[in-house]
PDB file of all heavy atoms in Angstrom:
ATOM      1  N   ALA A   1      74.952 143.647 186.375  1.00  0.00           N
ATOM      2  CA  ALA A   1      73.541 143.712 185.975  1.00  0.00           C
ATOM      3  C   ALA A   1      72.611 143.554 187.175  1.00  0.00           C
ATOM      4  O   ALA A   1      71.560 144.212 187.251  1.00  0.00           O
ATOM      5  CB  ALA A   1      73.246 142.621 184.941  1.00  0.00           C
ATOM      6  N   MET A   2      73.003 142.714 188.142  1.00  0.00           N
ATOM      7  CA  MET A   2      72.157 142.509 189.324  1.00  0.00           C
ATOM      8  C   MET A   2      72.089 143.778 190.181  1.00  0.00           C
ATOM      9  O   MET A   2      71.068 144.055 190.811  1.00  0.00           O
ATOM     10  CB  MET A   2      72.679 141.341 190.154  1.00  0.00           C
ATOM     11  CG  MET A   2      72.533 139.973 189.494  1.00  0.00           C
ATOM     12  SD  MET A   2      70.854 139.618 188.909  1.00  0.00           S
ATOM     13  CE  MET A   2      69.906 139.767 190.421  1.00  0.00           C
ATOM     14  N   PHE A   3      73.155 144.553 190.207  1.00  0.00           N
ATOM     15  CA  PHE A   3      73.118 145.832 190.924  1.00  0.00           C
ATOM     16  C   PHE A   3      72.070 146.750 190.302  1.00  0.00           C
ATOM     17  O   PHE A   3      71.341 147.459 191.010  1.00  0.00           O
ATOM     18  CB  PHE A   3      74.488 146.517 190.882  1.00  0.00           C
ATOM     19  CG  PHE A   3      75.460 145.997 191.902  1.00  0.00           C
ATOM     20  CD1 PHE A   3      76.749 145.644 191.537  1.00  0.00           C
ATOM     21  CD2 PHE A   3      75.101 145.870 193.234  1.00  0.00           C
ATOM     22  CE1 PHE A   3      77.652 145.172 192.479  1.00  0.00           C
ATOM     23  CE2 PHE A   3      75.997 145.407 194.184  1.00  0.00           C
ATOM     24  CZ  PHE A   3      77.282 145.055 193.805  1.00  0.00           C
ATOM     25  N   VAL A   4      71.995 146.759 188.975  1.00  0.00           N
ATOM     26  CA  VAL A   4      71.026 147.609 188.283  1.00  0.00           C
ATOM     27  C   VAL A   4      69.604 147.129 188.570  1.00  0.00           C
ATOM     28  O   VAL A   4      68.703 147.936 188.844  1.00  0.00           O
ATOM     29  CB  VAL A   4      71.306 147.615 186.770  1.00  0.00           C
ATOM     30  CG1 VAL A   4      70.242 148.428 186.034  1.00  0.00           C
ATOM     31  CG2 VAL A   4      72.694 148.191 186.489  1.00  0.00           C
ATOM     32  N   LEU A   5      69.380 145.824 188.522  1.00  0.00           N
ATOM     33  CA  LEU A   5      68.051 145.277 188.828  1.00  0.00           C
ATOM     34  C   LEU A   5      67.624 145.638 190.250  1.00  0.00           C
ATOM     35  O   LEU A   5      66.488 146.058 190.490  1.00  0.00           O
ATOM     36  CB  LEU A   5      68.057 143.753 188.655  1.00  0.00           C
ATOM     37  CG  LEU A   5      67.946 143.203 187.238  1.00  0.00           C
ATOM     38  CD1 LEU A   5      68.137 141.693 187.245  1.00  0.00           C
ATOM     39  CD2 LEU A   5      66.587 143.543 186.642  1.00  0.00           C
ATOM     40  N   SER A   6      68.535 145.464 191.191  1.00  0.00           N
ATOM     41  CA  SER A   6      68.226 145.777 192.593  1.00  0.00           C
ATOM     42  C   SER A   6      67.902 147.255 192.761  1.00  0.00           C
ATOM     43  O   SER A   6      66.969 147.621 193.485  1.00  0.00           O
ATOM     44  CB  SER A   6      69.413 145.397 193.492  1.00  0.00           C
ATOM     45  OG  SER A   6      69.685 144.006 193.417  1.00  0.00           O
ATOM     46  N   ALA A   7      68.670 148.113 192.100  1.00  0.00           N
ATOM     47  CA  ALA A   7      68.455 149.555 192.216  1.00  0.00           C
ATOM     48  C   ALA A   7      67.110 149.956 191.620  1.00  0.00           C
ATOM     49  O   ALA A   7      66.416 150.829 192.159  1.00  0.00           O
ATOM     50  CB  ALA A   7      69.587 150.310 191.526  1.00  0.00           C
ATOM     51  N   GLY A   8      66.724 149.323 190.510  1.00  0.00           N
ATOM     52  CA  GLY A   8      65.446 149.638 189.884  1.00  0.00           C
ATOM     53  C   GLY A   8      64.276 149.331 190.806  1.00  0.00           C
ATOM     54  O   GLY A   8      63.331 150.122 190.923  1.00  0.00           O
ATOM     55  N   ILE A   9      64.351 148.194 191.484  1.00  0.00           N
ATOM     56  CA  ILE A   9      63.280 147.818 192.413  1.00  0.00           C
ATOM     57  C   ILE A   9      63.259 148.751 193.620  1.00  0.00           C
ATOM     58  O   ILE A   9      62.206 149.206 194.068  1.00  0.00           O
ATOM     59  CB  ILE A   9      63.448 146.350 192.843  1.00  0.00           C
ATOM     60  CG1 ILE A   9      63.203 145.431 191.636  1.00  0.00           C
ATOM     61  CG2 ILE A   9      62.493 146.000 193.980  1.00  0.00           C
ATOM     62  CD1 ILE A   9      63.510 143.974 191.887  1.00  0.00           C
ATOM     63  N   ALA A  10      64.455 149.077 194.144  1.00  0.00           N
ATOM     64  CA  ALA A  10      64.530 149.967 195.315  1.00  0.00           C
ATOM     65  C   ALA A  10      64.106 151.381 194.955  1.00  0.00           C
ATOM     66  O   ALA A  10      63.420 152.054 195.736  1.00  0.00           O
ATOM     67  CB  ALA A  10      65.947 149.966 195.874  1.00  0.00           C
ATOM     68  N   ARG A  11      64.495 151.856 193.763  1.00  0.00           N
ATOM     69  CA  ARG A  11      64.235 153.254 193.378  1.00  0.00           C
ATOM     70  C   ARG A  11      62.757 153.520 193.146  1.00  0.00           C
ATOM     71  O   ARG A  11      62.305 154.667 193.229  1.00  0.00           O
ATOM     72  CB  ARG A  11      65.029 153.573 192.102  1.00  0.00           C
ATOM     73  CG  ARG A  11      65.089 155.045 191.745  1.00  0.00           C
ATOM     74  CD  ARG A  11      65.938 155.805 192.733  1.00  0.00           C
ATOM     75  NE  ARG A  11      65.864 157.246 192.546  1.00  0.00           N
ATOM     76  CZ  ARG A  11      64.897 158.030 192.986  1.00  0.00           C
ATOM     77  NH1 ARG A  11      63.889 157.504 193.655  1.00  0.00           N
ATOM     78  NH2 ARG A  11      64.914 159.320 192.775  1.00  0.00           N
ATOM     79  N   THR A  12      61.975 152.474 192.866  1.00  0.00           N
ATOM     80  CA  THR A  12      60.545 152.668 192.647  1.00  0.00           C
ATOM     81  C   THR A  12      59.735 152.534 193.927  1.00  0.00           C
ATOM     82  O   THR A  12      58.503 152.655 193.900  1.00  0.00           O
ATOM     83  CB  THR A  12      60.022 151.640 191.620  1.00  0.00           C
ATOM     84  OG1 THR A  12      60.318 150.313 192.091  1.00  0.00           O
ATOM     85  CG2 THR A  12      60.671 151.850 190.263  1.00  0.00           C
ATOM     86  N   GLY A  13      60.408 152.260 195.035  1.00  0.00           N
ATOM     87  CA  GLY A  13      59.700 152.179 196.313  1.00  0.00           C
ATOM     88  C   GLY A  13      58.976 150.864 196.528  1.00  0.00           C
ATOM     89  O   GLY A  13      58.145 150.763 197.445  1.00  0.00           O
ATOM     90  N   ALA A  14      59.289 149.850 195.702  1.00  0.00           N
ATOM     91  CA  ALA A  14      58.594 148.575 195.841  1.00  0.00           C
ATOM     92  C   ALA A  14      58.818 147.947 197.218  1.00  0.00           C
ATOM     93  O   ALA A  14      57.925 147.290 197.764  1.00  0.00           O
ATOM     94  CB  ALA A  14      59.055 147.612 194.742  1.00  0.00           C
ATOM     95  N   LEU A  15      60.015 148.174 197.800  1.00  0.00           N
ATOM     96  CA  LEU A  15      60.316 147.567 199.097  1.00  0.00           C
ATOM     97  C   LEU A  15      59.647 148.307 200.243  1.00  0.00           C
ATOM     98  O   LEU A  15      59.497 147.760 201.340  1.00  0.00           O
ATOM     99  CB  LEU A  15      61.836 147.533 199.315  1.00  0.00           C
ATOM    100  CG  LEU A  15      62.645 146.737 198.297  1.00  0.00           C
ATOM    101  CD1 LEU A  15      64.120 146.753 198.660  1.00  0.00           C
ATOM    102  CD2 LEU A  15      62.148 145.306 198.204  1.00  0.00           C
ATOM    103  N   GLN A  16      59.254 149.567 200.020  1.00  0.00           N
ATOM    104  CA  GLN A  16      58.627 150.344 201.094  1.00  0.00           C
ATOM    105  C   GLN A  16      57.267 149.779 201.486  1.00  0.00           C
ATOM    106  O   GLN A  16      56.749 150.082 202.564  1.00  0.00           O
ATOM    107  CB  GLN A  16      58.465 151.806 200.675  1.00  0.00           C
ATOM    108  CG  GLN A  16      59.580 152.724 201.145  1.00  0.00           C
ATOM    109  CD  GLN A  16      60.879 152.484 200.406  1.00  0.00           C
ATOM    110  OE1 GLN A  16      60.928 151.742 199.451  1.00  0.00           O
ATOM    111  NE2 GLN A  16      61.945 153.117 200.855  1.00  0.00           N
ATOM    112  N   ALA A  17      56.697 148.952 200.616  1.00  0.00           N
ATOM    113  CA  ALA A  17      55.379 148.394 200.896  1.00  0.00           C
ATOM    114  C   ALA A  17      55.376 147.500 202.123  1.00  0.00           C
ATOM    115  O   ALA A  17      54.317 147.227 202.701  1.00  0.00           O
ATOM    116  CB  ALA A  17      54.890 147.605 199.679  1.00  0.00           C
ATOM    117  N   VAL A  18      56.554 147.045 202.539  1.00  0.00           N
ATOM    118  CA  VAL A  18      56.606 146.114 203.685  1.00  0.00           C
ATOM    119  C   VAL A  18      56.427 146.825 205.018  1.00  0.00           C
ATOM    120  O   VAL A  18      56.248 146.181 206.040  1.00  0.00           O
ATOM    121  CB  VAL A  18      57.944 145.347 203.705  1.00  0.00           C
ATOM    122  CG1 VAL A  18      58.165 144.616 202.411  1.00  0.00           C
ATOM    123  CG2 VAL A  18      59.110 146.289 203.986  1.00  0.00           C
ATOM    124  N   THR A  19      56.468 148.166 205.026  1.00  0.00           N
ATOM    125  CA  THR A  19      56.341 148.891 206.285  1.00  0.00           C
ATOM    126  C   THR A  19      55.053 148.522 207.004  1.00  0.00           C
ATOM    127  O   THR A  19      55.036 148.261 208.210  1.00  0.00           O
ATOM    128  CB  THR A  19      56.377 150.414 206.043  1.00  0.00           C
ATOM    129  OG1 THR A  19      57.525 150.741 205.287  1.00  0.00           O
ATOM    130  CG2 THR A  19      56.405 151.170 207.350  1.00  0.00           C
ATOM    131  N   SER A  20      53.949 148.508 206.274  1.00  0.00           N
ATOM    132  CA  SER A  20      52.660 148.189 206.899  1.00  0.00           C
ATOM    133  C   SER A  20      52.647 146.759 207.417  1.00  0.00           C
ATOM    134  O   SER A  20      52.033 146.466 208.454  1.00  0.00           O
ATOM    135  CB  SER A  20      51.525 148.395 205.894  1.00  0.00           C
ATOM    136  OG  SER A  20      51.722 147.587 204.738  1.00  0.00           O
ATOM    137  N   ILE A  21      53.346 145.855 206.720  1.00  0.00           N
ATOM    138  CA  ILE A  21      53.394 144.464 207.172  1.00  0.00           C
ATOM    139  C   ILE A  21      54.162 144.355 208.484  1.00  0.00           C
ATOM    140  O   ILE A  21      53.755 143.632 209.401  1.00  0.00           O
ATOM    141  CB  ILE A  21      54.045 143.571 206.088  1.00  0.00           C
ATOM    142  CG1 ILE A  21      53.235 143.636 204.796  1.00  0.00           C
ATOM    143  CG2 ILE A  21      54.184 142.138 206.568  1.00  0.00           C
ATOM    144  CD1 ILE A  21      53.850 142.885 203.641  1.00  0.00           C
ATOM    145  N   LEU A  22      55.269 145.089 208.585  1.00  0.00           N
ATOM    146  CA  LEU A  22      56.037 145.083 209.824  1.00  0.00           C
ATOM    147  C   LEU A  22      55.180 145.558 210.993  1.00  0.00           C
ATOM    148  O   LEU A  22      55.191 144.972 212.080  1.00  0.00           O
ATOM    149  CB  LEU A  22      57.271 145.976 209.685  1.00  0.00           C
ATOM    150  CG  LEU A  22      58.409 145.477 208.801  1.00  0.00           C
ATOM    151  CD1 LEU A  22      59.483 146.553 208.671  1.00  0.00           C
ATOM    152  CD2 LEU A  22      59.022 144.208 209.364  1.00  0.00           C
ATOM    153  N   LEU A  23      54.426 146.622 210.774  1.00  0.00           N
ATOM    154  CA  LEU A  23      53.608 147.186 211.849  1.00  0.00           C
ATOM    155  C   LEU A  23      52.455 146.263 212.223  1.00  0.00           C
ATOM    156  O   LEU A  23      52.082 146.144 213.391  1.00  0.00           O
ATOM    157  CB  LEU A  23      53.072 148.553 211.424  1.00  0.00           C
ATOM    158  CG  LEU A  23      54.119 149.672 211.278  1.00  0.00           C
ATOM    159  CD1 LEU A  23      53.487 150.930 210.694  1.00  0.00           C
ATOM    160  CD2 LEU A  23      54.755 149.989 212.620  1.00  0.00           C
ATOM    161  N   GLN A  24      51.866 145.592 211.234  1.00  0.00           N
ATOM    162  CA  GLN A  24      50.704 144.747 211.491  1.00  0.00           C
ATOM    163  C   GLN A  24      51.089 143.418 212.135  1.00  0.00           C
ATOM    164  O   GLN A  24      50.405 142.933 213.029  1.00  0.00           O
ATOM    165  CB  GLN A  24      49.942 144.481 210.183  1.00  0.00           C
ATOM    166  CG  GLN A  24      49.220 145.719 209.643  1.00  0.00           C
ATOM    167  CD  GLN A  24      48.601 145.469 208.273  1.00  0.00           C
ATOM    168  OE1 GLN A  24      48.545 144.333 207.803  1.00  0.00           O
ATOM    169  NE2 GLN A  24      48.146 146.534 207.620  1.00  0.00           N
ATOM    170  N   TRP A  25      52.195 142.821 211.669  1.00  0.00           N
ATOM    171  CA  TRP A  25      52.548 141.475 212.107  1.00  0.00           C
ATOM    172  C   TRP A  25      53.615 141.450 213.201  1.00  0.00           C
ATOM    173  O   TRP A  25      53.784 140.432 213.873  1.00  0.00           O
ATOM    174  CB  TRP A  25      53.063 140.656 210.913  1.00  0.00           C
ATOM    175  CG  TRP A  25      52.048 140.409 209.848  1.00  0.00           C
ATOM    176  CD1 TRP A  25      50.735 140.790 209.839  1.00  0.00           C
ATOM    177  CD2 TRP A  25      52.283 139.736 208.607  1.00  0.00           C
ATOM    178  NE1 TRP A  25      50.132 140.404 208.674  1.00  0.00           N
ATOM    179  CE2 TRP A  25      51.053 139.738 207.890  1.00  0.00           C
ATOM    180  CE3 TRP A  25      53.389 139.130 208.031  1.00  0.00           C
ATOM    181  CZ2 TRP A  25      50.928 139.169 206.640  1.00  0.00           C
ATOM    182  CZ3 TRP A  25      53.263 138.552 206.780  1.00  0.00           C
ATOM    183  CH2 TRP A  25      52.030 138.568 206.095  1.00  0.00           C
ATOM    184  N   GLY A  26      54.342 142.548 213.360  1.00  0.00           N
ATOM    185  CA  GLY A  26      55.500 142.532 214.247  1.00  0.00           C
ATOM    186  C   GLY A  26      55.177 142.295 215.708  1.00  0.00           C
ATOM    187  O   GLY A  26      55.920 141.615 216.413  1.00  0.00           O
ATOM    188  N   GLY A  27      54.065 142.849 216.190  1.00  0.00           N
ATOM    189  CA  GLY A  27      53.686 142.653 217.587  1.00  0.00           C
ATOM    190  C   GLY A  27      54.659 143.297 218.564  1.00  0.00           C
ATOM    191  O   GLY A  27      55.500 144.115 218.199  1.00  0.00           O
ATOM    192  N   ARG A  28      54.570 142.905 219.829  1.00  0.00           N
ATOM    193  CA  ARG A  28      55.405 143.477 220.887  1.00  0.00           C
ATOM    194  C   ARG A  28      56.512 142.524 221.323  1.00  0.00           C
ATOM    195  O   ARG A  28      57.454 142.917 222.000  1.00  0.00           O
ATOM    196  CB  ARG A  28      54.553 143.820 222.111  1.00  0.00           C
ATOM    197  CG  ARG A  28      53.334 144.678 221.834  1.00  0.00           C
ATOM    198  CD  ARG A  28      53.664 146.054 221.306  1.00  0.00           C
ATOM    199  NE  ARG A  28      54.530 146.815 222.195  1.00  0.00           N
ATOM    200  CZ  ARG A  28      54.912 148.062 221.977  1.00  0.00           C
ATOM    201  NH1 ARG A  28      54.514 148.686 220.867  1.00  0.00           N
ATOM    202  NH2 ARG A  28      55.703 148.696 222.820  1.00  0.00           N
ATOM    203  N   SER A  29      56.410 141.263 220.946  1.00  0.00           N
ATOM    204  CA  SER A  29      57.409 140.268 221.353  1.00  0.00           C
ATOM    205  C   SER A  29      58.659 140.379 220.488  1.00  0.00           C
ATOM    206  O   SER A  29      58.556 140.415 219.252  1.00  0.00           O
ATOM    207  CB  SER A  29      56.821 138.856 221.234  1.00  0.00           C
ATOM    208  OG  SER A  29      57.830 137.884 221.214  1.00  0.00           O
ATOM    209  N   PRO A  30      59.873 140.418 221.106  1.00  0.00           N
ATOM    210  CA  PRO A  30      61.108 140.469 220.306  1.00  0.00           C
ATOM    211  C   PRO A  30      61.219 139.299 219.328  1.00  0.00           C
ATOM    212  O   PRO A  30      61.659 139.487 218.184  1.00  0.00           O
ATOM    213  CB  PRO A  30      62.212 140.417 221.363  1.00  0.00           C
ATOM    214  CG  PRO A  30      61.584 140.975 222.596  1.00  0.00           C
ATOM    215  CD  PRO A  30      60.157 140.530 222.550  1.00  0.00           C
ATOM    216  N   ALA A  31      60.831 138.108 219.767  1.00  0.00           N
ATOM    217  CA  ALA A  31      60.915 136.934 218.888  1.00  0.00           C
ATOM    218  C   ALA A  31      60.011 137.112 217.667  1.00  0.00           C
ATOM    219  O   ALA A  31      60.401 136.831 216.534  1.00  0.00           O
ATOM    220  CB  ALA A  31      60.532 135.671 219.655  1.00  0.00           C
ATOM    221  N   ARG A  32      58.799 137.582 217.912  1.00  0.00           N
ATOM    222  CA  ARG A  32      57.858 137.772 216.804  1.00  0.00           C
ATOM    223  C   ARG A  32      58.346 138.865 215.865  1.00  0.00           C
ATOM    224  O   ARG A  32      58.202 138.760 214.642  1.00  0.00           O
ATOM    225  CB  ARG A  32      56.479 138.119 217.366  1.00  0.00           C
ATOM    226  CG  ARG A  32      55.417 138.293 216.293  1.00  0.00           C
ATOM    227  CD  ARG A  32      54.038 138.473 216.908  1.00  0.00           C
ATOM    228  NE  ARG A  32      53.051 138.782 215.896  1.00  0.00           N
ATOM    229  CZ  ARG A  32      51.753 138.976 216.131  1.00  0.00           C
ATOM    230  NH1 ARG A  32      51.310 138.876 217.391  1.00  0.00           N
ATOM    231  NH2 ARG A  32      50.921 139.261 215.166  1.00  0.00           N
ATOM    232  N   GLN A  33      58.922 139.927 216.401  1.00  0.00           N
ATOM    233  CA  GLN A  33      59.435 141.009 215.572  1.00  0.00           C
ATOM    234  C   GLN A  33      60.536 140.501 214.642  1.00  0.00           C
ATOM    235  O   GLN A  33      60.558 140.826 213.450  1.00  0.00           O
ATOM    236  CB  GLN A  33      59.972 142.133 216.459  1.00  0.00           C
ATOM    237  CG  GLN A  33      58.899 142.878 217.240  1.00  0.00           C
ATOM    238  CD  GLN A  33      59.431 143.641 218.433  1.00  0.00           C
ATOM    239  OE1 GLN A  33      60.650 143.660 218.667  1.00  0.00           O
ATOM    240  NE2 GLN A  33      58.561 144.245 219.205  1.00  0.00           N
ATOM    241  N   ILE A  34      61.453 139.694 215.184  1.00  0.00           N
ATOM    242  CA  ILE A  34      62.566 139.195 214.371  1.00  0.00           C
ATOM    243  C   ILE A  34      62.090 138.179 213.347  1.00  0.00           C
ATOM    244  O   ILE A  34      62.565 138.165 212.198  1.00  0.00           O
ATOM    245  CB  ILE A  34      63.661 138.606 215.289  1.00  0.00           C
ATOM    246  CG1 ILE A  34      64.324 139.749 216.082  1.00  0.00           C
ATOM    247  CG2 ILE A  34      64.713 137.850 214.486  1.00  0.00           C
ATOM    248  CD1 ILE A  34      65.313 139.295 217.135  1.00  0.00           C
TER     249      ILE A  34
END
């Protein structure tokens, strides 16, 4: 059942929303990026 829940969230693109956060907060420092 957890596989189905995970797939539903991934298939709707809900996780893609973090792209902008990575770009805004990641910076140039390796430590900050990680």
